[in-house]
Amino acid sequence: METGLNAEQTNGWLVFADPFHLDCENWLRSWNEAYAPLPVFGGLASGDPAAQNTQVYLDGEVFEEGGVAISVGGGVKMQGVISQGCTPIGETWTLTRAEGNLIHEIGNRPAYEILAETFNRMSTTDQKKSRGNLFIGLVVNEYLEDFHRGDFLVRALIGADPRSGDIAVGAMLRPGQTVQFHRRDAQAATEDLLALLKATRKQLAGALVYGGCLCSCNGRGQGLFGSPNHDAQMIQEQLGPLGLAGFFCNGEIGPVGQLNFLHGYTASLALFVKKD
């Protein structure tokens, strides 16, 4: 009703939103119901958390809350890369007992036990990198035969209790879900983006790419990688020369599987590709 477009009239969306007054998680759920599996790329404006005030713009108008959604249609389709900055560690597991955002058991064993076992099997170097940088990946499409980069929705480990054996994560869970622990650091983020860009280059196979929009987390950039232009430069090296615009975000939007999600520490790259 708001857009005046049904799913057959668009090829995907760019969305730029205010993070302080829009519940982006709930909004995305309703948007997925209307438009998935069409992709949504974009990000939330980055501003001073103390002031909790940002602006988004549309056709000369200024909005201090809400978001702007731009439909991309006609002869242009959207294809992209969602690099969540992580590398998988250990093996995949099945959640056997979970409730809300708490994991009680993985593979019929206490969840903390599996986490500790995964950590202890890493090299000393990787263990040092992983302290404070462990995450969990949730498989979105359980019908895949094998799980690879891009198949996981990466979410934070909020806490782990060795006494109860429980792990708390930043997502709602369900028993039977496939999960794998992940590590996030500069090296992992570089490996992840490079692998996904190479896969995208093969998928494009000579297709005409008009340009791209890169929404990159403000936790990336020089602060993480030690030098500027990291994500943009890698995109140019793998897909360029390419006209590229974008900004640093306080939350990134992009698809995993056939649904769109809000991400953190992520590079969300939307490519505008000539539609066959």
C-alpha atoms as a PDB file:
ATOM      1  CA  MET A   1       0.000   0.000   0.000  1.00  0.00           C
ATOM      2  CA  GLU A   2       2.797   2.433   0.835  1.00  0.00           C
ATOM      3  CA  THR A   3       4.877   1.853  -2.294  1.00  0.00           C
ATOM      4  CA  GLY A   4       2.104   1.265  -4.816  1.00  0.00           C
ATOM      5  CA  LEU A   5       4.216  -1.534  -6.300  1.00  0.00           C
ATOM      6  CA  ASN A   6       3.629  -5.258  -6.211  1.00  0.00           C
ATOM      7  CA  ALA A   7       6.472  -7.779  -6.361  1.00  0.00           C
ATOM      8  CA  GLU A   8       6.122  -8.185 -10.133  1.00  0.00           C
ATOM      9  CA  GLN A   9       6.784  -4.474 -10.713  1.00  0.00           C
ATOM     10  CA  THR A  10      10.247  -4.274  -9.141  1.00  0.00           C
ATOM     11  CA  ASN A  11      13.571  -6.118  -9.296  1.00  0.00           C
ATOM     12  CA  GLY A  12      14.781  -5.076  -5.851  1.00  0.00           C
ATOM     13  CA  TRP A  13      15.260  -2.170  -3.460  1.00  0.00           C
ATOM     14  CA  LEU A  14      17.782   0.262  -2.054  1.00  0.00           C
ATOM     15  CA  VAL A  15      16.903   1.368   1.481  1.00  0.00           C
ATOM     16  CA  PHE A  16      18.475   4.112   3.603  1.00  0.00           C
ATOM     17  CA  ALA A  17      17.034   4.549   7.091  1.00  0.00           C
ATOM     18  CA  ASP A  18      17.329   6.250  10.471  1.00  0.00           C
ATOM     19  CA  PRO A  19      18.469   3.751  13.145  1.00  0.00           C
ATOM     20  CA  PHE A  20      17.124   5.617  16.173  1.00  0.00           C
ATOM     21  CA  HIS A  21      13.401   5.834  15.407  1.00  0.00           C
ATOM     22  CA  LEU A  22      12.742   2.964  12.983  1.00  0.00           C
ATOM     23  CA  ASP A  23      12.546  -0.628  14.205  1.00  0.00           C
ATOM     24  CA  CYS A  24      14.376  -1.976  11.180  1.00  0.00           C
ATOM     25  CA  GLU A  25      14.119  -5.643  12.241  1.00  0.00           C
ATOM     26  CA  ASN A  26      10.308  -5.519  12.377  1.00  0.00           C
ATOM     27  CA  TRP A  27      10.102  -3.412   9.228  1.00  0.00           C
ATOM     28  CA  LEU A  28      12.232  -5.935   7.321  1.00  0.00           C
ATOM     29  CA  ARG A  29       9.993  -8.802   8.424  1.00  0.00           C
ATOM     30  CA  SER A  30       6.948  -7.125   6.886  1.00  0.00           C
ATOM     31  CA  TRP A  31       8.956  -6.097   3.792  1.00  0.00           C
ATOM     32  CA  ASN A  32      10.082  -9.701   3.282  1.00  0.00           C
ATOM     33  CA  GLU A  33       6.461 -10.827   3.443  1.00  0.00           C
ATOM     34  CA  ALA A  34       5.616  -8.399   0.651  1.00  0.00           C
ATOM     35  CA  TYR A  35       8.671  -8.672  -1.612  1.00  0.00           C
ATOM     36  CA  ALA A  36      11.030 -11.587  -0.788  1.00  0.00           C
ATOM     37  CA  PRO A  37      12.927 -13.184  -2.448  1.00  0.00           C
ATOM     38  CA  LEU A  38      13.616  -9.839  -4.160  1.00  0.00           C
ATOM     39  CA  PRO A  39      16.773  -8.341  -2.617  1.00  0.00           C
ATOM     40  CA  VAL A  40      16.993  -5.276  -0.383  1.00  0.00           C
ATOM     41  CA  PHE A  41      20.386  -3.557  -0.053  1.00  0.00           C
ATOM     42  CA  GLY A  42      21.291  -0.501   1.967  1.00  0.00           C
ATOM     43  CA  GLY A  43      22.097   0.705   5.435  1.00  0.00           C
ATOM     44  CA  LEU A  44      21.215   2.752   8.479  1.00  0.00           C
ATOM     45  CA  ALA A  45      22.541   6.275   8.872  1.00  0.00           C
ATOM     46  CA  SER A  46      25.515   6.640  11.191  1.00  0.00           C
ATOM     47  CA  GLY A  47      25.164   9.298  13.868  1.00  0.00           C
ATOM     48  CA  ASP A  48      26.022  10.270  17.424  1.00  0.00           C
ATOM     49  CA  PRO A  49      24.377   7.680  19.741  1.00  0.00           C
ATOM     50  CA  ALA A  50      24.115  10.311  22.478  1.00  0.00           C
ATOM     51  CA  ALA A  51      22.188  12.717  20.241  1.00  0.00           C
ATOM     52  CA  GLN A  52      20.143   9.953  18.567  1.00  0.00           C
ATOM     53  CA  ASN A  53      19.464  12.204  15.619  1.00  0.00           C
ATOM     54  CA  THR A  54      20.100  11.589  11.918  1.00  0.00           C
ATOM     55  CA  GLN A  55      18.525  12.617   8.634  1.00  0.00           C
ATOM     56  CA  VAL A  56      17.550  10.894   5.397  1.00  0.00           C
ATOM     57  CA  TYR A  57      16.699  12.734   2.200  1.00  0.00           C
ATOM     58  CA  LEU A  58      14.345  12.252  -0.739  1.00  0.00           C
ATOM     59  CA  ASP A  59      13.866  14.642  -3.666  1.00  0.00           C
ATOM     60  CA  GLY A  60      14.932  17.687  -1.648  1.00  0.00           C
ATOM     61  CA  GLU A  61      12.885  16.769   1.429  1.00  0.00           C
ATOM     62  CA  VAL A  62      14.536  16.148   4.805  1.00  0.00           C
ATOM     63  CA  PHE A  63      13.285  13.440   7.181  1.00  0.00           C
ATOM     64  CA  GLU A  64      14.528  13.014  10.748  1.00  0.00           C
ATOM     65  CA  GLU A  65      13.002   9.563  11.148  1.00  0.00           C
ATOM     66  CA  GLY A  66      11.886   6.629   9.012  1.00  0.00           C
ATOM     67  CA  GLY A  67      13.572   5.535   5.822  1.00  0.00           C
ATOM     68  CA  VAL A  68      13.719   5.946   2.074  1.00  0.00           C
ATOM     69  CA  ALA A  69      13.100   2.912  -0.150  1.00  0.00           C
ATOM     70  CA  ILE A  70      14.025   3.135  -3.834  1.00  0.00           C
ATOM     71  CA  SER A  71      12.676   0.565  -6.265  1.00  0.00           C
ATOM     72  CA  VAL A  72      15.000  -0.644  -9.030  1.00  0.00           C
ATOM     73  CA  GLY A  73      13.056  -2.066 -11.971  1.00  0.00           C
ATOM     74  CA  GLY A  74      12.776  -2.218 -15.724  1.00  0.00           C
ATOM     75  CA  GLY A  75      15.869  -3.470 -17.507  1.00  0.00           C
ATOM     76  CA  VAL A  76      18.067  -3.335 -14.392  1.00  0.00           C
ATOM     77  CA  LYS A  77      18.291  -6.184 -11.888  1.00  0.00           C
ATOM     78  CA  MET A  78      20.105  -6.191  -8.563  1.00  0.00           C
ATOM     79  CA  GLN A  79      22.830  -8.605  -7.593  1.00  0.00           C
ATOM     80  CA  GLY A  80      25.135  -8.229  -4.676  1.00  0.00           C
ATOM     81  CA  VAL A  81      27.612  -9.340  -2.064  1.00  0.00           C
ATOM     82  CA  ILE A  82      26.921  -9.526   1.663  1.00  0.00           C
ATOM     83  CA  SER A  83      30.263  -9.938   3.417  1.00  0.00           C
ATOM     84  CA  GLN A  84      29.707 -10.354   7.151  1.00  0.00           C
ATOM     85  CA  GLY A  85      33.435 -10.264   7.907  1.00  0.00           C
ATOM     86  CA  CYS A  86      33.743 -13.759   9.358  1.00  0.00           C
ATOM     87  CA  THR A  87      35.323 -17.096   8.613  1.00  0.00           C
ATOM     88  CA  PRO A  88      33.737 -20.371   9.758  1.00  0.00           C
ATOM     89  CA  ILE A  89      35.565 -22.402  12.431  1.00  0.00           C
ATOM     90  CA  GLY A  90      35.032 -25.978  13.513  1.00  0.00           C
ATOM     91  CA  GLU A  91      32.193 -27.958  11.971  1.00  0.00           C
ATOM     92  CA  THR A  92      28.477 -27.525  11.437  1.00  0.00           C
ATOM     93  CA  TRP A  93      26.108 -28.621  14.211  1.00  0.00           C
ATOM     94  CA  THR A  94      22.394 -29.067  14.800  1.00  0.00           C
ATOM     95  CA  LEU A  95      20.600 -27.255  17.622  1.00  0.00           C
ATOM     96  CA  THR A  96      18.867 -29.946  19.652  1.00  0.00           C
ATOM     97  CA  ARG A  97      17.488 -27.757  22.444  1.00  0.00           C
ATOM     98  CA  ALA A  98      16.947 -24.031  22.087  1.00  0.00           C
ATOM     99  CA  GLU A  99      14.487 -21.493  23.458  1.00  0.00           C
ATOM    100  CA  GLY A 100      14.195 -17.850  22.454  1.00  0.00           C
ATOM    101  CA  ASN A 101      17.765 -16.621  22.052  1.00  0.00           C
ATOM    102  CA  LEU A 102      19.242 -19.306  24.354  1.00  0.00           C
ATOM    103  CA  ILE A 103      21.004 -22.412  23.080  1.00  0.00           C
ATOM    104  CA  HIS A 104      20.798 -25.183  25.682  1.00  0.00           C
ATOM    105  CA  GLU A 105      22.090 -28.128  23.667  1.00  0.00           C
ATOM    106  CA  ILE A 106      24.002 -28.628  20.419  1.00  0.00           C
ATOM    107  CA  GLY A 107      24.152 -32.170  19.078  1.00  0.00           C
ATOM    108  CA  ASN A 108      22.528 -33.388  22.328  1.00  0.00           C
ATOM    109  CA  ARG A 109      25.404 -31.969  24.362  1.00  0.00           C
ATOM    110  CA  PRO A 110      25.619 -28.790  26.468  1.00  0.00           C
ATOM    111  CA  ALA A 111      26.110 -25.844  24.105  1.00  0.00           C
ATOM    112  CA  TYR A 112      28.998 -24.400  26.150  1.00  0.00           C
ATOM    113  CA  GLU A 113      30.832 -27.722  25.862  1.00  0.00           C
ATOM    114  CA  ILE A 114      30.693 -27.582  22.050  1.00  0.00           C
ATOM    115  CA  LEU A 115      31.854 -23.943  22.051  1.00  0.00           C
ATOM    116  CA  ALA A 116      34.803 -24.723  24.364  1.00  0.00           C
ATOM    117  CA  GLU A 117      35.733 -27.770  22.292  1.00  0.00           C
ATOM    118  CA  THR A 118      35.691 -25.720  19.071  1.00  0.00           C
ATOM    119  CA  PHE A 119      37.872 -23.029  20.660  1.00  0.00           C
ATOM    120  CA  ASN A 120      40.373 -25.513  22.122  1.00  0.00           C
ATOM    121  CA  ARG A 121      40.879 -27.228  18.759  1.00  0.00           C
ATOM    122  CA  MET A 122      42.099 -24.007  17.144  1.00  0.00           C
ATOM    123  CA  SER A 123      45.776 -23.098  16.936  1.00  0.00           C
ATOM    124  CA  THR A 124      47.209 -20.830  19.621  1.00  0.00           C
ATOM    125  CA  THR A 125      47.383 -17.980  17.088  1.00  0.00           C
ATOM    126  CA  ASP A 126      43.745 -18.384  16.084  1.00  0.00           C
ATOM    127  CA  GLN A 127      42.698 -18.637  19.730  1.00  0.00           C
ATOM    128  CA  LYS A 128      44.289 -15.246  20.410  1.00  0.00           C
ATOM    129  CA  LYS A 129      42.473 -13.763  17.391  1.00  0.00           C
ATOM    130  CA  SER A 130      39.177 -15.273  18.509  1.00  0.00           C
ATOM    131  CA  ARG A 131      39.060 -13.837  22.038  1.00  0.00           C
ATOM    132  CA  GLY A 132      36.174 -11.401  22.003  1.00  0.00           C
ATOM    133  CA  ASN A 133      35.586 -12.082  18.301  1.00  0.00           C
ATOM    134  CA  LEU A 134      33.515 -15.282  18.318  1.00  0.00           C
ATOM    135  CA  PHE A 135      30.150 -15.317  16.572  1.00  0.00           C
ATOM    136  CA  ILE A 136      27.634 -17.912  15.460  1.00  0.00           C
ATOM    137  CA  GLY A 137      26.329 -18.521  11.947  1.00  0.00           C
ATOM    138  CA  LEU A 138      22.737 -19.679  11.469  1.00  0.00           C
ATOM    139  CA  VAL A 139      21.854 -21.480   8.240  1.00  0.00           C
ATOM    140  CA  VAL A 140      18.920 -19.731   6.564  1.00  0.00           C
ATOM    141  CA  ASN A 141      18.132 -22.382   3.912  1.00  0.00           C
ATOM    142  CA  GLU A 142      18.199 -25.871   5.433  1.00  0.00           C
ATOM    143  CA  TYR A 143      17.489 -27.493   2.042  1.00  0.00           C
ATOM    144  CA  LEU A 144      21.045 -26.980   0.784  1.00  0.00           C
ATOM    145  CA  GLU A 145      23.185 -30.120   0.611  1.00  0.00           C
ATOM    146  CA  ASP A 146      26.364 -28.303   1.698  1.00  0.00           C
ATOM    147  CA  PHE A 147      26.858 -25.035   3.529  1.00  0.00           C
ATOM    148  CA  HIS A 148      29.384 -22.420   2.406  1.00  0.00           C
ATOM    149  CA  ARG A 149      30.171 -18.729   2.876  1.00  0.00           C
ATOM    150  CA  GLY A 150      27.069 -16.678   2.271  1.00  0.00           C
ATOM    151  CA  ASP A 151      24.729 -19.405   3.544  1.00  0.00           C
ATOM    152  CA  PHE A 152      25.000 -18.286   7.187  1.00  0.00           C
ATOM    153  CA  LEU A 153      23.351 -15.387   8.965  1.00  0.00           C
ATOM    154  CA  VAL A 154      26.067 -14.289  11.407  1.00  0.00           C
ATOM    155  CA  ARG A 155      24.960 -13.149  14.855  1.00  0.00           C
ATOM    156  CA  ALA A 156      26.802 -12.165  18.063  1.00  0.00           C
ATOM    157  CA  LEU A 157      27.499 -14.452  20.993  1.00  0.00           C
ATOM    158  CA  ILE A 158      26.097 -12.415  23.875  1.00  0.00           C
ATOM    159  CA  GLY A 159      27.236 -14.692  26.666  1.00  0.00           C
ATOM    160  CA  ALA A 160      28.081 -18.245  27.723  1.00  0.00           C
ATOM    161  CA  ASP A 161      27.581 -19.910  31.108  1.00  0.00           C
ATOM    162  CA  PRO A 162      29.793 -22.939  31.883  1.00  0.00           C
ATOM    163  CA  ARG A 163      27.606 -23.858  34.886  1.00  0.00           C
ATOM    164  CA  SER A 164      24.308 -24.156  33.013  1.00  0.00           C
ATOM    165  CA  GLY A 165      25.952 -24.985  29.678  1.00  0.00           C
ATOM    166  CA  ASP A 166      23.847 -22.323  27.914  1.00  0.00           C
ATOM    167  CA  ILE A 167      24.893 -19.834  25.225  1.00  0.00           C
ATOM    168  CA  ALA A 168      22.980 -16.603  24.540  1.00  0.00           C
ATOM    169  CA  VAL A 169      23.051 -15.227  20.988  1.00  0.00           C
ATOM    170  CA  GLY A 170      21.676 -12.165  19.215  1.00  0.00           C
ATOM    171  CA  ALA A 171      18.909 -14.006  17.347  1.00  0.00           C
ATOM    172  CA  MET A 172      15.764 -16.035  17.904  1.00  0.00           C
ATOM    173  CA  LEU A 173      16.470 -19.730  17.462  1.00  0.00           C
ATOM    174  CA  ARG A 174      14.649 -22.959  16.714  1.00  0.00           C
ATOM    175  CA  PRO A 175      15.544 -26.595  17.432  1.00  0.00           C
ATOM    176  CA  GLY A 176      16.810 -28.413  14.347  1.00  0.00           C
ATOM    177  CA  GLN A 177      18.588 -25.334  12.986  1.00  0.00           C
ATOM    178  CA  THR A 178      22.101 -25.843  11.558  1.00  0.00           C
ATOM    179  CA  VAL A 179      24.791 -23.623  13.075  1.00  0.00           C
ATOM    180  CA  GLN A 180      28.532 -23.093  12.891  1.00  0.00           C
ATOM    181  CA  PHE A 181      30.791 -20.904  14.998  1.00  0.00           C
ATOM    182  CA  HIS A 182      32.627 -18.071  13.228  1.00  0.00           C
ATOM    183  CA  ARG A 183      35.606 -15.817  13.924  1.00  0.00           C
ATOM    184  CA  ARG A 184      35.703 -12.158  12.981  1.00  0.00           C
ATOM    185  CA  ASP A 185      38.907 -10.130  12.552  1.00  0.00           C
ATOM    186  CA  ALA A 186      40.684  -8.169   9.808  1.00  0.00           C
ATOM    187  CA  GLN A 187      42.114 -11.271   8.152  1.00  0.00           C
ATOM    188  CA  ALA A 188      38.785 -13.120   8.287  1.00  0.00           C
ATOM    189  CA  ALA A 189      36.957 -10.085   6.890  1.00  0.00           C
ATOM    190  CA  THR A 190      39.427  -9.804   4.003  1.00  0.00           C
ATOM    191  CA  GLU A 191      39.188 -13.533   3.208  1.00  0.00           C
ATOM    192  CA  ASP A 192      35.393 -13.448   3.306  1.00  0.00           C
ATOM    193  CA  LEU A 193      35.024 -10.428   1.016  1.00  0.00           C
ATOM    194  CA  LEU A 194      37.616 -11.731  -1.454  1.00  0.00           C
ATOM    195  CA  ALA A 195      35.978 -15.167  -1.707  1.00  0.00           C
ATOM    196  CA  LEU A 196      32.506 -13.685  -2.221  1.00  0.00           C
ATOM    197  CA  LEU A 197      33.726 -11.163  -4.827  1.00  0.00           C
ATOM    198  CA  LYS A 198      35.461 -13.921  -6.808  1.00  0.00           C
ATOM    199  CA  ALA A 199      32.279 -16.017  -6.728  1.00  0.00           C
ATOM    200  CA  THR A 200      30.241 -13.017  -7.889  1.00  0.00           C
ATOM    201  CA  ARG A 201      32.648 -12.329 -10.757  1.00  0.00           C
ATOM    202  CA  LYS A 202      32.076 -15.898 -12.002  1.00  0.00           C
ATOM    203  CA  GLN A 203      28.303 -15.536 -11.652  1.00  0.00           C
ATOM    204  CA  LEU A 204      28.283 -12.304 -13.649  1.00  0.00           C
ATOM    205  CA  ALA A 205      30.123 -14.034 -16.520  1.00  0.00           C
ATOM    206  CA  GLY A 206      30.483 -10.955 -18.731  1.00  0.00           C
ATOM    207  CA  ALA A 207      27.135  -9.351 -17.838  1.00  0.00           C
ATOM    208  CA  LEU A 208      26.964  -5.563 -18.111  1.00  0.00           C
ATOM    209  CA  VAL A 209      27.289  -3.967 -14.656  1.00  0.00           C
ATOM    210  CA  TYR A 210      26.203  -0.319 -14.621  1.00  0.00           C
ATOM    211  CA  GLY A 211      27.619   0.462 -11.175  1.00  0.00           C
ATOM    212  CA  GLY A 212      27.343  -0.315  -7.502  1.00  0.00           C
ATOM    213  CA  CYS A 213      26.347   0.984  -4.077  1.00  0.00           C
ATOM    214  CA  LEU A 214      28.499  -0.035  -1.105  1.00  0.00           C
ATOM    215  CA  CYS A 215      27.124   0.285   2.436  1.00  0.00           C
ATOM    216  CA  SER A 216      29.947  -0.611   4.797  1.00  0.00           C
ATOM    217  CA  CYS A 217      29.860  -0.795   8.599  1.00  0.00           C
ATOM    218  CA  ASN A 218      31.634   2.002  10.434  1.00  0.00           C
ATOM    219  CA  GLY A 219      33.363  -0.784  12.394  1.00  0.00           C
ATOM    220  CA  ARG A 220      35.253  -1.694   9.221  1.00  0.00           C
ATOM    221  CA  GLY A 221      37.436   0.789   7.333  1.00  0.00           C
ATOM    222  CA  GLN A 222      40.798   1.981   8.581  1.00  0.00           C
ATOM    223  CA  GLY A 223      39.984   1.123  12.197  1.00  0.00           C
ATOM    224  CA  LEU A 224      39.761  -2.587  11.380  1.00  0.00           C
ATOM    225  CA  PHE A 225      42.079  -2.986   8.406  1.00  0.00           C
ATOM    226  CA  GLY A 226      44.768  -0.413   9.223  1.00  0.00           C
ATOM    227  CA  SER A 227      44.446   1.372   5.868  1.00  0.00           C
ATOM    228  CA  PRO A 228      41.700   3.302   4.074  1.00  0.00           C
ATOM    229  CA  ASN A 229      39.627   2.173   1.069  1.00  0.00           C
ATOM    230  CA  HIS A 230      39.885  -1.544   1.920  1.00  0.00           C
ATOM    231  CA  ASP A 231      36.431  -2.686   0.761  1.00  0.00           C
ATOM    232  CA  ALA A 232      36.140  -0.278  -2.178  1.00  0.00           C
ATOM    233  CA  GLN A 233      39.618  -1.162  -3.425  1.00  0.00           C
ATOM    234  CA  MET A 234      38.914  -4.911  -3.301  1.00  0.00           C
ATOM    235  CA  ILE A 235      35.699  -4.389  -5.244  1.00  0.00           C
ATOM    236  CA  GLN A 236      37.556  -2.454  -7.936  1.00  0.00           C
ATOM    237  CA  GLU A 237      40.265  -5.124  -8.148  1.00  0.00           C
ATOM    238  CA  GLN A 238      37.766  -7.971  -8.559  1.00  0.00           C
ATOM    239  CA  LEU A 239      34.886  -6.336 -10.442  1.00  0.00           C
ATOM    240  CA  GLY A 240      36.197  -3.015 -11.756  1.00  0.00           C
ATOM    241  CA  PRO A 241      36.581  -0.585 -13.211  1.00  0.00           C
ATOM    242  CA  LEU A 242      33.241   0.169 -11.606  1.00  0.00           C
ATOM    243  CA  GLY A 243      31.389   3.336 -10.618  1.00  0.00           C
ATOM    244  CA  LEU A 244      30.823   2.950  -6.888  1.00  0.00           C
ATOM    245  CA  ALA A 245      29.008   5.120  -4.337  1.00  0.00           C
ATOM    246  CA  GLY A 246      28.010   4.540  -0.729  1.00  0.00           C
ATOM    247  CA  PHE A 247      28.643   5.378   2.915  1.00  0.00           C
ATOM    248  CA  PHE A 248      29.646   4.030   6.324  1.00  0.00           C
ATOM    249  CA  CYS A 249      26.650   2.686   8.230  1.00  0.00           C
ATOM    250  CA  ASN A 250      25.301   2.000  11.693  1.00  0.00           C
ATOM    251  CA  GLY A 251      23.799  -1.290  10.478  1.00  0.00           C
ATOM    252  CA  GLU A 252      23.697  -2.801   6.993  1.00  0.00           C
ATOM    253  CA  ILE A 253      20.836  -4.357   5.031  1.00  0.00           C
ATOM    254  CA  GLY A 254      21.151  -7.256   2.618  1.00  0.00           C
ATOM    255  CA  PRO A 255      19.922 -10.712   1.661  1.00  0.00           C
ATOM    256  CA  VAL A 256      21.052 -14.078   2.976  1.00  0.00           C
ATOM    257  CA  GLY A 257      19.376 -16.799   0.983  1.00  0.00           C
ATOM    258  CA  GLN A 258      15.915 -15.623  -0.028  1.00  0.00           C
ATOM    259  CA  LEU A 259      15.307 -13.270   2.904  1.00  0.00           C
ATOM    260  CA  ASN A 260      16.684  -9.829   3.785  1.00  0.00           C
ATOM    261  CA  PHE A 261      18.271  -9.080   7.151  1.00  0.00           C
ATOM    262  CA  LEU A 262      19.876  -6.335   9.218  1.00  0.00           C
ATOM    263  CA  HIS A 263      23.594  -6.967   9.721  1.00  0.00           C
ATOM    264  CA  GLY A 264      26.551  -5.617  11.683  1.00  0.00           C
ATOM    265  CA  TYR A 265      30.254  -5.305  10.742  1.00  0.00           C
ATOM    266  CA  THR A 266      29.167  -6.053   7.180  1.00  0.00           C
ATOM    267  CA  ALA A 267      29.918  -4.800   3.668  1.00  0.00           C
ATOM    268  CA  SER A 268      26.644  -4.740   1.706  1.00  0.00           C
ATOM    269  CA  LEU A 269      27.368  -4.298  -1.995  1.00  0.00           C
ATOM    270  CA  ALA A 270      24.480  -3.782  -4.439  1.00  0.00           C
ATOM    271  CA  LEU A 271      25.318  -4.168  -8.117  1.00  0.00           C
ATOM    272  CA  PHE A 272      23.074  -2.787 -10.863  1.00  0.00           C
ATOM    273  CA  VAL A 273      23.186  -5.348 -13.667  1.00  0.00           C
ATOM    274  CA  LYS A 274      21.604  -5.373 -17.125  1.00  0.00           C
ATOM    275  CA  LYS A 275      18.603  -7.672 -17.010  1.00  0.00           C
ATOM    276  CA  ASP A 276      18.461 -10.413 -19.646  1.00  0.00           C
END
